[in-house]
Amino acid sequence: MANPNIVNVVNIYGNTSTLAVSTVTANIVQNPASSSTLYKINSLMVTNINTYSFAVGVTVQLNQAGSNTTIAQSMVVPANSSLVILGKDTPIYLLENNSIQMSAASNNSLNAFISYEQIS
């Protein structure tokens, strides 16, 4: 089931995932192929935790079966601050075999938090 009909929902599970964002692109959330679920991404927040008090860039991509679309390109997260990339007013749906990927301009500087609903 590639795109479930959300009118006849049986289950909705709330989830939160975290990621220590590095210079290597990594998934913060992935909806596996043949999962029979749809993920509604409610929020994605990035926090600058570096100890040297400098701003750090973050890039976020939507990976759709191997094809990337940029959501945020080199967005600056100020020192000792947080940046909301996606909020409840701008949700996106993550179909099967899709993921949200992130990378940072500097290692050990950013933590990311994503909140989503797993719908089946």
C-alpha atoms as a PDB file:
ATOM      1  CA  MET A   1       0.000   0.000   0.000  1.00  0.00           C
ATOM      2  CA  ALA A   2       1.862   3.073  -1.199  1.00  0.00           C
ATOM      3  CA  ASN A   3      -0.550   5.774  -0.026  1.00  0.00           C
ATOM      4  CA  PRO A   4      -3.153   4.669   2.547  1.00  0.00           C
ATOM      5  CA  ASN A   5      -6.601   6.237   2.587  1.00  0.00           C
ATOM      6  CA  ILE A   6      -6.607   8.311   5.787  1.00  0.00           C
ATOM      7  CA  VAL A   7     -10.414   8.493   5.919  1.00  0.00           C
ATOM      8  CA  ASN A   8     -10.572   4.903   7.203  1.00  0.00           C
ATOM      9  CA  VAL A   9      -7.795   5.121   9.773  1.00  0.00           C
ATOM     10  CA  VAL A  10      -7.410   2.171  12.140  1.00  0.00           C
ATOM     11  CA  ASN A  11      -4.373   3.356  14.140  1.00  0.00           C
ATOM     12  CA  ILE A  12      -2.621   6.662  14.823  1.00  0.00           C
ATOM     13  CA  TYR A  13       0.557   6.497  16.903  1.00  0.00           C
ATOM     14  CA  GLY A  14       2.425   9.588  18.074  1.00  0.00           C
ATOM     15  CA  ASN A  15       6.216   9.441  17.766  1.00  0.00           C
ATOM     16  CA  THR A  16       9.246  11.598  18.467  1.00  0.00           C
ATOM     17  CA  SER A  17      12.738  10.925  17.127  1.00  0.00           C
ATOM     18  CA  THR A  18      16.011  12.712  17.753  1.00  0.00           C
ATOM     19  CA  LEU A  19      19.285  13.011  15.879  1.00  0.00           C
ATOM     20  CA  ALA A  20      22.712  14.392  16.711  1.00  0.00           C
ATOM     21  CA  VAL A  21      23.201  16.075  13.332  1.00  0.00           C
ATOM     22  CA  SER A  22      26.647  15.673  11.778  1.00  0.00           C
ATOM     23  CA  THR A  23      28.336  16.631   8.518  1.00  0.00           C
ATOM     24  CA  VAL A  24      27.287  13.244   7.102  1.00  0.00           C
ATOM     25  CA  THR A  25      23.710  13.179   5.802  1.00  0.00           C
ATOM     26  CA  ALA A  26      21.544  10.878   7.953  1.00  0.00           C
ATOM     27  CA  ASN A  27      17.870   9.986   8.352  1.00  0.00           C
ATOM     28  CA  ILE A  28      16.007  11.459  11.291  1.00  0.00           C
ATOM     29  CA  VAL A  29      12.884   9.492  10.305  1.00  0.00           C
ATOM     30  CA  GLN A  30      12.279   6.871   7.643  1.00  0.00           C
ATOM     31  CA  ASN A  31       9.040   5.278   6.481  1.00  0.00           C
ATOM     32  CA  PRO A  32      10.135   1.856   5.192  1.00  0.00           C
ATOM     33  CA  ALA A  33       8.928   0.408   1.895  1.00  0.00           C
ATOM     34  CA  SER A  34       5.841  -1.825   2.308  1.00  0.00           C
ATOM     35  CA  SER A  35       5.126  -0.409   5.801  1.00  0.00           C
ATOM     36  CA  SER A  36       1.425   0.113   4.997  1.00  0.00           C
ATOM     37  CA  THR A  37       1.641   3.379   6.935  1.00  0.00           C
ATOM     38  CA  LEU A  38       1.714   7.092   6.300  1.00  0.00           C
ATOM     39  CA  TYR A  39       3.709   9.470   8.492  1.00  0.00           C
ATOM     40  CA  LYS A  40       2.366  12.962   9.129  1.00  0.00           C
ATOM     41  CA  ILE A  41       5.318  15.138  10.091  1.00  0.00           C
ATOM     42  CA  ASN A  42       4.064  17.715  12.603  1.00  0.00           C
ATOM     43  CA  SER A  43       7.266  19.473  13.628  1.00  0.00           C
ATOM     44  CA  LEU A  44      11.014  19.485  13.069  1.00  0.00           C
ATOM     45  CA  MET A  45      13.206  21.595  15.345  1.00  0.00           C
ATOM     46  CA  VAL A  46      16.982  21.988  15.412  1.00  0.00           C
ATOM     47  CA  THR A  47      18.903  23.198  18.478  1.00  0.00           C
ATOM     48  CA  ASN A  48      22.433  24.628  18.426  1.00  0.00           C
ATOM     49  CA  ILE A  49      24.326  23.015  21.308  1.00  0.00           C
ATOM     50  CA  ASN A  50      27.943  23.816  20.403  1.00  0.00           C
ATOM     51  CA  THR A  51      30.138  24.975  23.252  1.00  0.00           C
ATOM     52  CA  TYR A  52      31.914  27.690  21.232  1.00  0.00           C
ATOM     53  CA  SER A  53      28.838  29.890  20.693  1.00  0.00           C
ATOM     54  CA  PHE A  54      28.860  30.137  16.903  1.00  0.00           C
ATOM     55  CA  ALA A  55      26.048  29.750  14.385  1.00  0.00           C
ATOM     56  CA  VAL A  56      25.830  26.488  12.421  1.00  0.00           C
ATOM     57  CA  GLY A  57      24.129  25.766   9.100  1.00  0.00           C
ATOM     58  CA  VAL A  58      21.711  22.865   8.664  1.00  0.00           C
ATOM     59  CA  THR A  59      20.337  21.266   5.497  1.00  0.00           C
ATOM     60  CA  VAL A  60      17.137  19.185   5.473  1.00  0.00           C
ATOM     61  CA  GLN A  61      15.978  17.039   2.569  1.00  0.00           C
ATOM     62  CA  LEU A  62      12.958  14.932   1.695  1.00  0.00           C
ATOM     63  CA  ASN A  63      14.192  11.680   0.169  1.00  0.00           C
ATOM     64  CA  GLN A  64      11.533  10.091  -2.031  1.00  0.00           C
ATOM     65  CA  ALA A  65      12.695   6.609  -3.060  1.00  0.00           C
ATOM     66  CA  GLY A  66      16.245   7.863  -3.640  1.00  0.00           C
ATOM     67  CA  SER A  67      15.415  11.286  -5.105  1.00  0.00           C
ATOM     68  CA  ASN A  68      16.149  14.274  -2.836  1.00  0.00           C
ATOM     69  CA  THR A  69      14.180  17.502  -2.593  1.00  0.00           C
ATOM     70  CA  THR A  70      15.587  20.229  -0.366  1.00  0.00           C
ATOM     71  CA  ILE A  71      13.329  21.513   2.410  1.00  0.00           C
ATOM     72  CA  ALA A  72      15.931  23.847   3.976  1.00  0.00           C
ATOM     73  CA  GLN A  73      19.358  24.669   2.522  1.00  0.00           C
ATOM     74  CA  SER A  74      22.135  25.827   4.850  1.00  0.00           C
ATOM     75  CA  MET A  75      19.659  27.438   7.264  1.00  0.00           C
ATOM     76  CA  VAL A  76      21.575  29.187  10.045  1.00  0.00           C
ATOM     77  CA  VAL A  77      20.865  28.063  13.601  1.00  0.00           C
ATOM     78  CA  PRO A  78      22.170  30.884  15.828  1.00  0.00           C
ATOM     79  CA  ALA A  79      24.337  30.106  18.832  1.00  0.00           C
ATOM     80  CA  ASN A  80      22.386  28.917  21.893  1.00  0.00           C
ATOM     81  CA  SER A  81      19.133  28.924  19.898  1.00  0.00           C
ATOM     82  CA  SER A  82      16.611  26.685  18.207  1.00  0.00           C
ATOM     83  CA  LEU A  83      15.141  26.853  14.715  1.00  0.00           C
ATOM     84  CA  VAL A  84      11.774  25.398  13.685  1.00  0.00           C
ATOM     85  CA  ILE A  85      12.063  23.926  10.183  1.00  0.00           C
ATOM     86  CA  LEU A  86       8.559  22.405  10.027  1.00  0.00           C
ATOM     87  CA  GLY A  87       5.653  23.284  12.300  1.00  0.00           C
ATOM     88  CA  LYS A  88       2.097  22.160  12.887  1.00  0.00           C
ATOM     89  CA  ASP A  89       0.923  24.798  10.401  1.00  0.00           C
ATOM     90  CA  THR A  90       3.198  23.380   7.640  1.00  0.00           C
ATOM     91  CA  PRO A  91       3.008  19.577   7.976  1.00  0.00           C
ATOM     92  CA  ILE A  92       4.158  17.178   5.292  1.00  0.00           C
ATOM     93  CA  TYR A  93       3.236  13.551   4.643  1.00  0.00           C
ATOM     94  CA  LEU A  94       5.921  10.911   4.368  1.00  0.00           C
ATOM     95  CA  LEU A  95       4.856   8.041   2.115  1.00  0.00           C
ATOM     96  CA  GLU A  96       6.374   4.556   2.080  1.00  0.00           C
ATOM     97  CA  ASN A  97      10.055   4.388   1.085  1.00  0.00           C
ATOM     98  CA  ASN A  98      10.540   8.081   1.970  1.00  0.00           C
ATOM     99  CA  SER A  99      12.678   9.720   4.642  1.00  0.00           C
ATOM    100  CA  ILE A 100      13.687  13.070   6.130  1.00  0.00           C
ATOM    101  CA  GLN A 101      17.471  13.537   6.009  1.00  0.00           C
ATOM    102  CA  MET A 102      19.695  16.118   7.663  1.00  0.00           C
ATOM    103  CA  SER A 103      23.280  17.328   7.701  1.00  0.00           C
ATOM    104  CA  ALA A 104      25.141  20.120   9.493  1.00  0.00           C
ATOM    105  CA  ALA A 105      28.024  22.389   8.586  1.00  0.00           C
ATOM    106  CA  SER A 106      29.813  21.344  11.799  1.00  0.00           C
ATOM    107  CA  ASN A 107      29.916  18.146  13.862  1.00  0.00           C
ATOM    108  CA  ASN A 108      28.811  18.030  17.519  1.00  0.00           C
ATOM    109  CA  SER A 109      26.856  21.262  17.214  1.00  0.00           C
ATOM    110  CA  LEU A 110      23.218  20.465  16.422  1.00  0.00           C
ATOM    111  CA  ASN A 111      20.490  18.248  17.861  1.00  0.00           C
ATOM    112  CA  ALA A 112      17.255  17.692  15.926  1.00  0.00           C
ATOM    113  CA  PHE A 113      13.819  16.693  17.196  1.00  0.00           C
ATOM    114  CA  ILE A 114      10.992  15.497  14.957  1.00  0.00           C
ATOM    115  CA  SER A 115       7.392  14.824  15.977  1.00  0.00           C
ATOM    116  CA  TYR A 116       5.153  12.756  13.731  1.00  0.00           C
ATOM    117  CA  GLU A 117       2.037  10.591  13.582  1.00  0.00           C
ATOM    118  CA  GLN A 118       2.230   7.073  12.174  1.00  0.00           C
ATOM    119  CA  ILE A 119      -1.110   6.451  10.445  1.00  0.00           C
ATOM    120  CA  SER A 120      -2.422   3.091   9.274  1.00  0.00           C
END
